[in-house]
Amino acid sequence: MVMTEYTVDRSIPATDDNVHSEWDRTIEPVADVESGDTVSFRCRDAWDGLIDEDTTAQEVPDALAQREGGMPITGPVAVEGARPGDVLAVEILDAEHDDWGWTTFRPREDEFGLLYEEFEEWGLHYWRLGDGVGEFVDGIEVPLDPFPGTIGLAPVDETGRDMGPPHDAGGNMDTKHLTAGTTLYLPVEVEGALLSIGDGHAAQGDGEICGGAIETPLSLDVRVGVVSDRDISQPQYRMPSGSASRGDVPTYATTGISNDLMEATRKATLSMVEHLQNEQGLSAHDAYILTSVAADLKINEVVDRPNWTVSSHVPEDIFPA
């Protein structure tokens, strides 16, 4: 966790009036903030509190059936001055999970999760979270590094978009690297950007293999800023020195989101080549070579069908100061 001093300018509780369950540019903003403001979001878990420590794996389908609509997220928040073609920088200042969480996977008939064909029944683990770890079976402890599984802006191309798959302006990217200290860059598609956040995760591996992280309610503080001199087509992010993902190495990442995993990989790589040209002054030839010898490709999520998220990570300490 990256600790820094700041003052919260606006708090958005996860009340029914402040939560929605689909991407829709026509949803009225729950708050209006200025570029540079710090906003505190309270976020519900992905299943809206319908799973608790007394829930059994056999009861999970009934719990899911009780959820009204899709995954609940908090927002949207309009940022003054954000216009289509701009970039919204979302600096994640702090992320705090609750003291419990859960992970579930679905059976063959639901066709969800990388290995759904291998399991005939639902699976569920309820986690106690504390002292920086989650308690698993047989004394196994999983380090915690909380982040929002879903964070994004309203898309321009349609209303009532399903909350499940990610899109060009973010959404359910399930990217474990969006922890405290990371700055996320999102392409603005509508006036005011309309930022929404939810789907708290206390820990997750790259890929979110079974379709679930350690799902938990989350409190998230972010600083928003409008960037008018950048042009990106899909999300990008910068992790500082000290981030959990790369140790003490500052890292820049570009993402590719597509319904084809190879195309998502190509998009992430092409965006990194363009980033290296724009930010480091490299030729396309040199940038392409550098991605091959210094970039790490990561499958951030491979379960949010029909779209997958891939990222290209380049350590920034390789460049001259």
Protein backbone atom coordinates (compact mmCIF):
# COMPACT_ATOMS: atom_id res chain seq x y z
CA MET A 1 0.00 0.00 0.00
CA VAL A 2 1.32 3.45 -0.91
CA MET A 3 0.73 6.00 1.82
CA THR A 4 0.48 9.67 0.89
CA GLU A 5 -1.14 12.69 2.48
CA TYR A 6 -4.26 14.01 0.80
CA THR A 7 -7.66 15.50 1.53
CA VAL A 8 -10.84 13.87 0.25
CA ASP A 9 -12.95 16.37 -1.70
CA ARG A 10 -15.99 14.14 -2.25
CA SER A 11 -17.22 10.85 -0.79
CA ILE A 12 -19.57 8.54 -2.69
CA PRO A 13 -21.26 5.93 -0.46
CA ALA A 14 -22.53 2.70 -2.02
CA THR A 15 -26.20 3.52 -1.45
CA ASP A 16 -28.84 2.31 -3.88
CA ASP A 17 -29.03 5.78 -5.44
CA ASN A 18 -25.28 5.74 -6.12
CA VAL A 19 -24.99 2.24 -7.58
CA HIS A 20 -25.76 0.98 -11.09
CA SER A 21 -25.31 -2.36 -12.84
CA GLU A 22 -24.76 -1.60 -16.53
CA TRP A 23 -22.66 0.75 -18.63
CA ASP A 24 -24.90 3.51 -19.94
CA ARG A 25 -23.93 7.04 -20.95
CA THR A 26 -27.46 8.27 -20.14
CA ILE A 27 -27.20 7.51 -16.40
CA GLU A 28 -27.20 10.78 -14.48
CA PRO A 29 -23.97 11.40 -12.53
CA VAL A 30 -24.21 11.01 -8.77
CA ALA A 31 -21.57 13.70 -8.27
CA ASP A 32 -19.72 16.37 -10.22
CA VAL A 33 -16.05 16.96 -9.40
CA GLU A 34 -13.21 19.04 -10.80
CA SER A 35 -9.98 17.86 -12.35
CA GLY A 36 -7.51 17.37 -9.51
CA ASP A 37 -10.15 16.44 -6.94
CA THR A 38 -9.82 13.42 -4.67
CA VAL A 39 -12.87 11.18 -4.51
CA SER A 40 -13.58 8.38 -2.04
CA PHE A 41 -15.65 5.50 -3.41
CA ARG A 42 -17.34 2.86 -1.28
CA CYS A 43 -17.82 -0.26 -3.40
CA ARG A 44 -19.98 -3.33 -2.90
CA ASP A 45 -18.73 -6.82 -3.67
CA ALA A 46 -19.54 -8.35 -7.05
CA TRP A 47 -22.60 -10.23 -5.80
CA ASP A 48 -23.99 -7.37 -3.73
CA GLY A 49 -23.55 -8.99 -0.32
CA LEU A 50 -25.52 -12.13 -1.17
CA ILE A 51 -22.71 -14.47 -0.05
CA ASP A 52 -21.61 -14.67 3.58
CA GLU A 53 -19.74 -17.07 5.84
CA ASP A 54 -22.83 -19.27 6.25
CA THR A 55 -23.36 -19.73 2.50
CA THR A 56 -22.56 -23.19 1.17
CA ALA A 57 -21.39 -24.00 -2.35
CA GLN A 58 -24.77 -25.61 -3.03
CA GLU A 59 -26.53 -22.35 -2.11
CA VAL A 60 -24.43 -20.13 -4.38
CA PRO A 61 -26.69 -20.46 -7.48
CA ASP A 62 -29.71 -19.33 -5.44
CA ALA A 63 -27.71 -16.39 -4.08
CA LEU A 64 -26.73 -15.33 -7.58
CA ALA A 65 -30.34 -15.60 -8.73
CA GLN A 66 -31.31 -13.03 -6.08
CA ARG A 67 -29.00 -10.37 -7.51
CA GLU A 68 -30.99 -7.72 -9.33
CA GLY A 69 -29.32 -6.81 -12.61
CA GLY A 70 -25.60 -7.12 -13.16
CA MET A 71 -22.60 -6.43 -10.97
CA PRO A 72 -23.13 -3.32 -8.78
CA ILE A 73 -20.66 -0.46 -9.20
CA THR A 74 -20.56 3.00 -7.63
CA GLY A 75 -21.02 6.10 -9.78
CA PRO A 76 -20.97 7.56 -12.28
CA VAL A 77 -18.96 10.63 -11.31
CA ALA A 78 -18.69 13.44 -13.86
CA VAL A 79 -15.35 15.24 -14.12
CA GLU A 80 -15.61 18.86 -15.17
CA GLY A 81 -13.80 19.63 -18.42
CA ALA A 82 -13.45 16.01 -19.56
CA ARG A 83 -14.41 15.72 -23.22
CA PRO A 84 -14.32 12.99 -25.84
CA GLY A 85 -10.75 12.55 -27.05
CA ASP A 86 -9.25 13.46 -23.66
CA VAL A 87 -7.69 11.01 -21.22
CA LEU A 88 -8.80 10.69 -17.61
CA ALA A 89 -5.95 9.94 -15.21
CA VAL A 90 -7.16 8.05 -12.14
CA GLU A 91 -4.48 7.94 -9.46
CA ILE A 92 -5.26 5.23 -6.92
CA LEU A 93 -4.28 6.67 -3.55
CA ASP A 94 -5.58 4.06 -1.14
CA ALA A 95 -7.53 0.79 -1.25
CA GLU A 96 -8.97 -0.87 1.86
CA HIS A 97 -10.75 -4.24 1.82
CA ASP A 98 -13.17 -5.50 4.46
CA ASP A 99 -12.24 -8.29 6.88
CA TRP A 100 -13.86 -11.03 4.80
CA GLY A 101 -14.13 -12.19 1.22
CA TRP A 102 -15.10 -15.12 -0.96
CA THR A 103 -14.07 -16.94 -4.12
CA THR A 104 -16.35 -19.13 -6.17
CA PHE A 105 -16.19 -21.07 -9.40
CA ARG A 106 -19.00 -22.31 -11.61
CA PRO A 107 -19.72 -25.79 -12.96
CA ARG A 108 -19.64 -27.12 -16.48
CA GLU A 109 -23.21 -26.13 -17.29
CA ASP A 110 -22.49 -22.43 -16.64
CA GLU A 111 -19.55 -22.30 -19.08
CA PHE A 112 -17.67 -19.71 -17.01
CA GLY A 113 -14.04 -19.88 -15.91
CA LEU A 114 -11.05 -21.25 -17.78
CA LEU A 115 -11.55 -24.87 -16.70
CA TYR A 116 -15.33 -24.98 -16.35
CA GLU A 117 -15.51 -28.27 -18.29
CA GLU A 118 -13.53 -30.01 -15.54
CA PHE A 119 -16.00 -29.38 -12.69
CA GLU A 120 -19.57 -30.59 -12.26
CA GLU A 121 -20.42 -28.63 -9.10
CA TRP A 122 -20.03 -25.12 -7.76
CA GLY A 123 -16.97 -24.34 -5.63
CA LEU A 124 -16.74 -21.78 -2.81
CA HIS A 125 -14.15 -20.62 -0.30
CA TYR A 126 -14.92 -18.03 2.36
CA TRP A 127 -11.89 -15.99 3.42
CA ARG A 128 -10.92 -14.29 6.66
CA LEU A 129 -8.76 -11.30 5.78
CA GLY A 130 -6.32 -9.69 8.18
CA ASP A 131 -2.66 -8.81 8.77
CA GLY A 132 -2.09 -8.56 5.04
CA VAL A 133 -3.04 -12.15 4.24
CA GLY A 134 -6.07 -14.25 3.44
CA GLU A 135 -6.37 -17.64 5.12
CA PHE A 136 -6.77 -20.59 2.74
CA VAL A 137 -6.74 -24.34 3.43
CA ASP A 138 -3.92 -26.33 5.09
CA GLY A 139 -2.26 -23.23 6.53
CA ILE A 140 -1.80 -21.54 3.15
CA GLU A 141 -1.77 -17.74 3.38
CA VAL A 142 -2.34 -15.55 0.32
CA PRO A 143 -0.82 -12.01 0.39
CA LEU A 144 -3.41 -9.27 -0.03
CA ASP A 145 -3.10 -6.32 -2.41
CA PRO A 146 -6.59 -4.84 -2.89
CA PHE A 147 -7.82 -3.25 -6.11
CA PRO A 148 -11.07 -2.63 -8.01
CA GLY A 149 -11.90 -5.38 -10.48
CA THR A 150 -14.11 -2.95 -12.35
CA ILE A 151 -13.12 0.65 -13.07
CA GLY A 152 -14.01 2.56 -16.18
CA LEU A 153 -15.80 5.31 -18.04
CA ALA A 154 -19.12 5.28 -19.86
CA PRO A 155 -18.81 4.02 -23.45
CA VAL A 156 -20.28 6.10 -26.24
CA ASP A 157 -21.37 3.38 -28.63
CA GLU A 158 -24.36 1.90 -26.82
CA THR A 159 -26.55 2.09 -23.73
CA GLY A 160 -27.35 -0.73 -21.35
CA ARG A 161 -24.03 -2.51 -21.97
CA ASP A 162 -23.44 -5.64 -19.91
CA MET A 163 -21.14 -5.04 -16.93
CA GLY A 164 -19.34 -8.37 -17.44
CA PRO A 165 -16.89 -7.86 -20.33
CA PRO A 166 -14.40 -4.95 -20.38
CA HIS A 167 -14.52 -2.32 -23.12
CA ASP A 168 -12.31 0.36 -24.68
CA ALA A 169 -12.86 2.78 -21.78
CA GLY A 170 -12.14 0.21 -19.08
CA GLY A 171 -14.78 -1.67 -17.13
CA ASN A 172 -14.37 -5.18 -15.77
CA MET A 173 -10.68 -5.49 -16.62
CA ASP A 174 -9.84 -7.54 -13.50
CA THR A 175 -6.29 -6.20 -13.64
CA LYS A 176 -4.46 -7.00 -10.39
CA HIS A 177 -1.91 -4.23 -10.92
CA LEU A 178 -4.41 -1.40 -10.26
CA THR A 179 -3.42 -1.18 -6.60
CA ALA A 180 -2.60 1.83 -4.42
CA GLY A 181 0.09 3.92 -6.10
CA THR A 182 -0.87 3.03 -9.67
CA THR A 183 -2.24 5.66 -12.04
CA LEU A 184 -4.75 4.40 -14.60
CA TYR A 185 -5.27 6.26 -17.88
CA LEU A 186 -8.68 5.88 -19.53
CA PRO A 187 -9.82 7.24 -22.91
CA VAL A 188 -12.77 9.61 -22.51
CA GLU A 189 -15.67 8.84 -24.85
CA VAL A 190 -18.47 11.02 -23.42
CA GLU A 191 -18.79 14.48 -21.89
CA GLY A 192 -17.72 14.44 -18.23
CA ALA A 193 -16.04 11.02 -18.60
CA LEU A 194 -18.55 9.41 -16.15
CA LEU A 195 -16.26 7.34 -13.91
CA SER A 196 -17.62 4.31 -12.05
CA ILE A 197 -15.80 1.87 -9.75
CA GLY A 198 -16.69 -1.41 -8.04
CA ASP A 199 -16.10 -5.16 -7.79
CA GLY A 200 -13.61 -5.07 -4.93
CA HIS A 201 -10.81 -7.66 -4.94
CA ALA A 202 -8.49 -8.30 -1.99
CA ALA A 203 -6.17 -10.48 -4.09
CA GLN A 204 -6.09 -12.07 -7.53
CA GLY A 205 -3.66 -13.75 -9.87
CA ASP A 206 -3.13 -12.63 -13.45
CA GLY A 207 -5.87 -14.25 -15.51
CA GLU A 208 -8.47 -14.61 -12.73
CA ILE A 209 -8.42 -18.27 -13.78
CA CYS A 210 -11.55 -19.69 -12.16
CA GLY A 211 -13.55 -16.50 -12.70
CA GLY A 212 -13.21 -15.17 -9.16
CA ALA A 213 -10.75 -13.19 -7.07
CA ILE A 214 -10.98 -12.79 -3.31
CA GLU A 215 -14.22 -10.85 -3.73
CA THR A 216 -14.85 -8.24 -1.03
CA PRO A 217 -16.36 -4.81 -0.42
CA LEU A 218 -13.78 -2.08 -0.97
CA SER A 219 -13.12 1.53 0.00
CA LEU A 220 -11.08 3.30 -2.65
CA ASP A 221 -9.65 6.83 -2.75
CA VAL A 222 -8.65 8.20 -6.15
CA ARG A 223 -7.46 11.50 -7.58
CA VAL A 224 -8.87 12.32 -11.02
CA GLY A 225 -7.23 14.52 -13.63
CA VAL A 226 -8.11 15.48 -17.18
CA VAL A 227 -5.25 15.07 -19.67
CA SER A 228 -5.92 16.83 -22.96
CA ASP A 229 -2.61 16.28 -24.76
CA ARG A 230 -2.64 12.48 -24.93
CA ASP A 231 -4.35 10.11 -27.33
CA ILE A 232 -4.95 6.50 -26.31
CA SER A 233 -7.52 4.01 -27.58
CA GLN A 234 -7.64 1.62 -24.60
CA PRO A 235 -6.55 1.76 -20.93
CA GLN A 236 -2.93 2.20 -19.87
CA TYR A 237 -1.37 2.45 -16.42
CA ARG A 238 1.82 3.36 -14.59
CA MET A 239 3.01 1.57 -11.46
CA PRO A 240 5.48 3.41 -9.22
CA SER A 241 8.58 2.21 -7.46
CA GLY A 242 7.47 0.02 -4.61
CA SER A 243 4.40 -1.41 -6.34
CA ALA A 244 3.70 -5.02 -5.42
CA SER A 245 3.64 -6.11 -9.05
CA ARG A 246 7.27 -5.25 -9.92
CA GLY A 247 9.03 -4.85 -6.60
CA ASP A 248 11.02 -1.61 -6.65
CA VAL A 249 10.87 -1.17 -10.42
CA PRO A 250 8.62 1.57 -11.86
CA THR A 251 6.65 0.12 -14.76
CA TYR A 252 4.44 1.39 -17.57
CA ALA A 253 1.75 -0.82 -19.08
CA THR A 254 -0.54 -0.72 -22.08
CA THR A 255 -3.59 -2.92 -22.47
CA GLY A 256 -5.36 -4.68 -25.30
CA ILE A 257 -9.02 -5.63 -25.00
CA SER A 258 -10.65 -7.84 -27.61
CA ASN A 259 -12.91 -10.85 -28.10
CA ASP A 260 -9.88 -12.63 -29.59
CA LEU A 261 -6.97 -13.32 -27.24
CA MET A 262 -4.34 -12.97 -29.97
CA GLU A 263 -5.87 -9.68 -31.13
CA ALA A 264 -5.86 -8.41 -27.54
CA THR A 265 -2.17 -9.30 -27.37
CA ARG A 266 -1.47 -7.46 -30.62
CA LYS A 267 -3.36 -4.39 -29.40
CA ALA A 268 -1.42 -4.28 -26.13
CA THR A 269 1.88 -4.60 -27.99
CA LEU A 270 1.04 -2.05 -30.68
CA SER A 271 -0.01 0.44 -27.99
CA MET A 272 3.32 -0.13 -26.23
CA VAL A 273 5.24 0.45 -29.48
CA GLU A 274 3.32 3.71 -29.95
CA HIS A 275 3.94 4.69 -26.32
CA LEU A 276 7.69 4.14 -26.69
CA GLN A 277 7.69 6.23 -29.85
CA ASN A 278 5.76 9.08 -28.25
CA GLU A 279 7.31 9.09 -24.78
CA GLN A 280 10.87 7.89 -25.45
CA GLY A 281 11.37 9.17 -29.00
CA LEU A 282 12.18 5.73 -30.40
CA SER A 283 11.62 4.74 -34.00
CA ALA A 284 8.97 2.11 -34.67
CA HIS A 285 11.75 -0.40 -35.46
CA ASP A 286 13.58 0.24 -32.19
CA ALA A 287 10.37 0.26 -30.16
CA TYR A 288 9.33 -3.09 -31.62
CA ILE A 289 12.71 -4.64 -30.77
CA LEU A 290 12.56 -3.22 -27.24
CA THR A 291 9.16 -4.79 -26.61
CA SER A 292 10.63 -8.16 -27.54
CA VAL A 293 13.57 -7.93 -25.13
CA ALA A 294 12.17 -5.87 -22.24
CA ALA A 295 8.36 -6.08 -22.21
CA ASP A 296 6.38 -8.68 -20.28
CA LEU A 297 3.01 -9.74 -21.68
CA LYS A 298 0.40 -10.57 -19.06
CA ILE A 299 -3.06 -12.04 -19.44
CA ASN A 300 -4.92 -9.91 -16.93
CA GLU A 301 -8.20 -11.77 -17.31
CA VAL A 302 -9.27 -14.67 -19.49
CA VAL A 303 -12.79 -15.21 -18.13
CA ASP A 304 -14.89 -12.09 -18.81
CA ARG A 305 -16.29 -13.30 -22.10
CA PRO A 306 -16.52 -12.30 -24.77
CA ASN A 307 -13.63 -9.86 -24.17
CA TRP A 308 -10.18 -10.66 -22.78
CA THR A 309 -7.64 -8.21 -21.30
CA VAL A 310 -3.90 -8.46 -22.01
CA SER A 311 -1.21 -5.99 -20.95
CA SER A 312 2.35 -5.21 -21.99
CA HIS A 313 4.64 -4.13 -19.11
CA VAL A 314 7.92 -2.27 -19.64
CA PRO A 315 10.17 -1.39 -16.66
CA GLU A 316 10.95 2.32 -16.77
CA ASP A 317 14.32 2.10 -15.04
CA ILE A 318 15.89 0.94 -18.32
CA PHE A 319 15.62 4.47 -19.72
CA PRO A 320 18.20 7.18 -19.02
CA ALA A 321 17.16 9.70 -16.39
